[in-house]
């Protein structure tokens, strides 16, 4: 954790192929649980999940980020 793709040889990526089967399974379980609850994953950091921020809004197609700046309707 806390390593970029270059430092970790890509192991920090959510779908990394160079991690153990147990680690891959754990990431799958974590991903399924969090995705079902609404957050979105930052794919180059398996531990980085967002909800309600600008990245989340972009990834989900939301009109605005509830936890960020936006223009009021109207």
N, C-alpha and C. Protein backbone atom coordinates (compact mmCIF):
# COMPACT_ATOMS: atom_id res chain seq x y z
N UNK A 1 0.85 -1.17 0.00
CA UNK A 1 0.00 0.00 0.00
C UNK A 1 0.89 1.23 0.00
N UNK A 2 0.32 2.34 -0.44
CA UNK A 2 1.03 3.62 -0.53
C UNK A 2 2.20 3.56 -1.49
N UNK A 3 2.09 2.79 -2.52
CA UNK A 3 3.12 2.72 -3.56
C UNK A 3 2.43 2.95 -4.90
N UNK A 4 3.13 3.63 -5.79
CA UNK A 4 2.55 3.83 -7.11
C UNK A 4 2.83 2.59 -7.97
N UNK A 5 2.22 2.53 -9.15
CA UNK A 5 2.41 1.34 -9.99
C UNK A 5 3.87 1.04 -10.31
N UNK A 6 4.68 2.07 -10.47
CA UNK A 6 6.09 1.84 -10.78
C UNK A 6 6.82 1.22 -9.58
N UNK A 7 6.56 1.74 -8.39
CA UNK A 7 7.23 1.24 -7.18
C UNK A 7 6.80 -0.18 -6.82
N UNK A 8 5.55 -0.52 -7.13
CA UNK A 8 5.03 -1.82 -6.72
C UNK A 8 4.98 -2.82 -7.87
N UNK A 9 5.54 -2.47 -9.01
CA UNK A 9 5.46 -3.32 -10.21
C UNK A 9 4.01 -3.63 -10.55
N UNK A 10 3.13 -2.68 -10.29
CA UNK A 10 1.72 -2.83 -10.61
C UNK A 10 0.89 -3.54 -9.56
N UNK A 11 1.50 -4.04 -8.49
CA UNK A 11 0.76 -4.78 -7.46
C UNK A 11 -0.26 -3.90 -6.74
N UNK A 12 -0.10 -2.58 -6.78
CA UNK A 12 -1.05 -1.70 -6.13
C UNK A 12 -2.35 -1.56 -6.93
N UNK A 13 -2.35 -1.97 -8.17
CA UNK A 13 -3.55 -1.86 -9.00
C UNK A 13 -4.60 -2.87 -8.55
N UNK A 14 -5.85 -2.45 -8.61
CA UNK A 14 -6.94 -3.30 -8.15
C UNK A 14 -6.93 -4.65 -8.84
N UNK A 15 -6.70 -4.66 -10.14
CA UNK A 15 -6.73 -5.93 -10.89
C UNK A 15 -5.34 -6.48 -11.17
N UNK A 16 -4.41 -6.24 -10.28
CA UNK A 16 -3.02 -6.70 -10.46
C UNK A 16 -2.97 -8.21 -10.68
N UNK A 17 -2.15 -8.60 -11.63
CA UNK A 17 -1.98 -10.02 -11.91
C UNK A 17 -0.80 -10.63 -11.17
N UNK A 18 0.02 -9.80 -10.54
CA UNK A 18 1.23 -10.29 -9.89
C UNK A 18 1.10 -10.36 -8.37
N UNK A 19 -0.11 -10.69 -7.89
CA UNK A 19 -0.34 -10.87 -6.45
C UNK A 19 -0.84 -12.29 -6.22
N UNK A 20 -0.84 -12.71 -4.98
CA UNK A 20 -1.26 -14.08 -4.69
C UNK A 20 -2.76 -14.26 -4.96
N UNK A 21 -3.15 -15.50 -5.12
CA UNK A 21 -4.57 -15.81 -5.33
C UNK A 21 -5.39 -15.36 -4.13
N UNK A 22 -4.85 -15.52 -2.93
CA UNK A 22 -5.58 -15.06 -1.73
C UNK A 22 -5.78 -13.56 -1.76
N UNK A 23 -4.75 -12.80 -2.09
CA UNK A 23 -4.86 -11.34 -2.16
C UNK A 23 -5.87 -10.93 -3.23
N UNK A 24 -5.82 -11.59 -4.37
CA UNK A 24 -6.76 -11.29 -5.46
C UNK A 24 -8.19 -11.58 -5.00
N UNK A 25 -8.38 -12.70 -4.32
CA UNK A 25 -9.71 -13.04 -3.80
C UNK A 25 -10.20 -12.03 -2.79
N UNK A 26 -9.30 -11.58 -1.91
CA UNK A 26 -9.68 -10.57 -0.92
C UNK A 26 -10.07 -9.26 -1.59
N UNK A 27 -9.34 -8.87 -2.60
CA UNK A 27 -9.68 -7.64 -3.33
C UNK A 27 -11.03 -7.78 -4.02
N UNK A 28 -11.31 -8.96 -4.53
CA UNK A 28 -12.60 -9.21 -5.18
C UNK A 28 -13.74 -9.07 -4.17
N UNK A 29 -13.59 -9.66 -3.00
CA UNK A 29 -14.62 -9.56 -1.96
C UNK A 29 -14.81 -8.11 -1.54
N UNK A 30 -13.71 -7.42 -1.28
CA UNK A 30 -13.77 -6.01 -0.89
C UNK A 30 -14.46 -5.19 -1.97
N UNK A 31 -14.05 -5.41 -3.22
CA UNK A 31 -14.63 -4.66 -4.33
C UNK A 31 -16.12 -4.89 -4.48
N UNK A 32 -16.56 -6.12 -4.35
CA UNK A 32 -17.98 -6.42 -4.47
C UNK A 32 -18.78 -5.74 -3.37
N UNK A 33 -18.28 -5.80 -2.15
CA UNK A 33 -18.99 -5.19 -1.02
C UNK A 33 -19.06 -3.67 -1.16
N UNK A 34 -17.95 -3.05 -1.48
CA UNK A 34 -17.94 -1.60 -1.59
C UNK A 34 -18.73 -1.11 -2.80
N UNK A 35 -18.58 -1.77 -3.94
CA UNK A 35 -19.33 -1.38 -5.12
C UNK A 35 -20.83 -1.46 -4.86
N UNK A 36 -21.27 -2.50 -4.17
CA UNK A 36 -22.69 -2.65 -3.85
C UNK A 36 -23.20 -1.52 -2.97
N UNK A 37 -22.31 -0.94 -2.17
CA UNK A 37 -22.70 0.15 -1.27
C UNK A 37 -22.61 1.52 -1.94
N UNK A 38 -22.01 1.60 -3.14
CA UNK A 38 -21.99 2.86 -3.87
C UNK A 38 -20.65 3.49 -4.19
N UNK A 39 -19.59 3.24 -3.43
CA UNK A 39 -18.31 3.84 -3.78
C UNK A 39 -17.75 3.30 -5.10
N UNK A 40 -16.81 4.05 -5.67
CA UNK A 40 -16.10 3.63 -6.88
C UNK A 40 -14.62 3.54 -6.55
N UNK A 41 -13.95 2.64 -7.23
CA UNK A 41 -12.53 2.39 -6.99
C UNK A 41 -11.65 3.20 -7.91
N UNK A 42 -10.54 3.68 -7.39
CA UNK A 42 -9.50 4.30 -8.19
C UNK A 42 -8.61 3.14 -8.62
N UNK A 43 -8.61 2.75 -9.89
CA UNK A 43 -8.05 1.47 -10.31
C UNK A 43 -6.55 1.27 -10.11
N UNK A 44 -5.77 2.33 -9.92
CA UNK A 44 -4.35 2.12 -9.68
C UNK A 44 -4.01 2.05 -8.19
N UNK A 45 -5.03 2.09 -7.33
CA UNK A 45 -4.83 1.96 -5.87
C UNK A 45 -5.97 1.11 -5.32
N UNK A 46 -5.72 -0.16 -5.10
CA UNK A 46 -6.79 -1.07 -4.68
C UNK A 46 -7.49 -0.60 -3.41
N UNK A 47 -6.82 0.16 -2.58
CA UNK A 47 -7.36 0.61 -1.30
C UNK A 47 -8.12 1.93 -1.41
N UNK A 48 -8.11 2.59 -2.58
CA UNK A 48 -8.67 3.92 -2.73
C UNK A 48 -10.08 3.84 -3.31
N UNK A 49 -11.05 4.18 -2.49
CA UNK A 49 -12.45 4.19 -2.89
C UNK A 49 -13.02 5.57 -2.62
N UNK A 50 -13.90 6.02 -3.51
CA UNK A 50 -14.47 7.37 -3.40
C UNK A 50 -15.99 7.29 -3.39
N UNK A 51 -16.58 8.21 -2.63
CA UNK A 51 -18.03 8.33 -2.64
C UNK A 51 -18.40 9.80 -2.43
N UNK A 52 -19.11 10.34 -3.37
CA UNK A 52 -19.61 11.70 -3.25
C UNK A 52 -18.63 12.79 -3.64
N UNK A 53 -17.41 12.45 -4.01
CA UNK A 53 -16.45 13.46 -4.41
C UNK A 53 -16.44 13.60 -5.93
N UNK A 54 -15.57 14.45 -6.47
CA UNK A 54 -15.56 14.70 -7.91
C UNK A 54 -15.21 13.45 -8.72
N UNK A 55 -14.29 12.63 -8.23
CA UNK A 55 -13.95 11.40 -8.95
C UNK A 55 -15.17 10.48 -9.02
N UNK A 56 -15.87 10.34 -7.92
CA UNK A 56 -17.08 9.53 -7.87
C UNK A 56 -18.11 10.05 -8.87
N UNK A 57 -18.32 11.38 -8.90
CA UNK A 57 -19.29 11.97 -9.82
C UNK A 57 -18.91 11.68 -11.27
N UNK A 58 -17.65 11.81 -11.59
CA UNK A 58 -17.19 11.53 -12.95
C UNK A 58 -17.42 10.06 -13.30
N UNK A 59 -17.04 9.16 -12.40
CA UNK A 59 -17.14 7.72 -12.67
C UNK A 59 -18.58 7.24 -12.75
N UNK A 60 -19.48 7.87 -12.02
CA UNK A 60 -20.87 7.42 -12.00
C UNK A 60 -21.77 8.20 -12.93
N UNK A 61 -21.27 9.31 -13.48
CA UNK A 61 -22.10 10.15 -14.33
C UNK A 61 -23.04 11.06 -13.57
N UNK A 62 -22.80 11.22 -12.27
CA UNK A 62 -23.63 12.10 -11.45
C UNK A 62 -23.49 13.55 -11.94
N UNK A 63 -24.54 14.33 -11.78
CA UNK A 63 -24.53 15.72 -12.22
C UNK A 63 -23.55 16.58 -11.44
N UNK A 64 -23.31 16.22 -10.20
CA UNK A 64 -22.38 16.97 -9.35
C UNK A 64 -21.91 16.08 -8.20
N UNK A 65 -20.89 16.53 -7.54
CA UNK A 65 -20.35 15.79 -6.38
C UNK A 65 -21.00 16.35 -5.12
N UNK A 66 -21.78 15.55 -4.41
CA UNK A 66 -22.43 16.04 -3.19
C UNK A 66 -21.44 16.60 -2.16
N UNK A 67 -20.23 16.08 -2.15
CA UNK A 67 -19.24 16.54 -1.18
C UNK A 67 -18.19 17.41 -1.83
N UNK A 68 -18.60 18.19 -2.81
CA UNK A 68 -17.71 19.09 -3.49
C UNK A 68 -18.46 20.30 -3.98
N UNK A 69 -17.77 21.24 -4.59
CA UNK A 69 -18.43 22.45 -5.07
C UNK A 69 -19.38 22.15 -6.24
N UNK A 70 -20.49 22.84 -6.27
CA UNK A 70 -21.42 22.73 -7.38
C UNK A 70 -22.30 23.97 -7.44
N UNK A 71 -22.87 24.19 -8.58
CA UNK A 71 -23.79 25.32 -8.75
C UNK A 71 -25.18 24.88 -8.31
N UNK A 72 -25.81 25.65 -7.46
CA UNK A 72 -27.18 25.30 -7.06
C UNK A 72 -28.13 25.31 -8.25
N UNK A 73 -29.10 24.43 -8.24
CA UNK A 73 -30.09 24.39 -9.31
C UNK A 73 -30.94 25.66 -9.22
N UNK A 74 -31.29 26.15 -10.38
CA UNK A 74 -32.23 27.13 -10.35
C UNK A 74 -32.40 28.43 -10.68
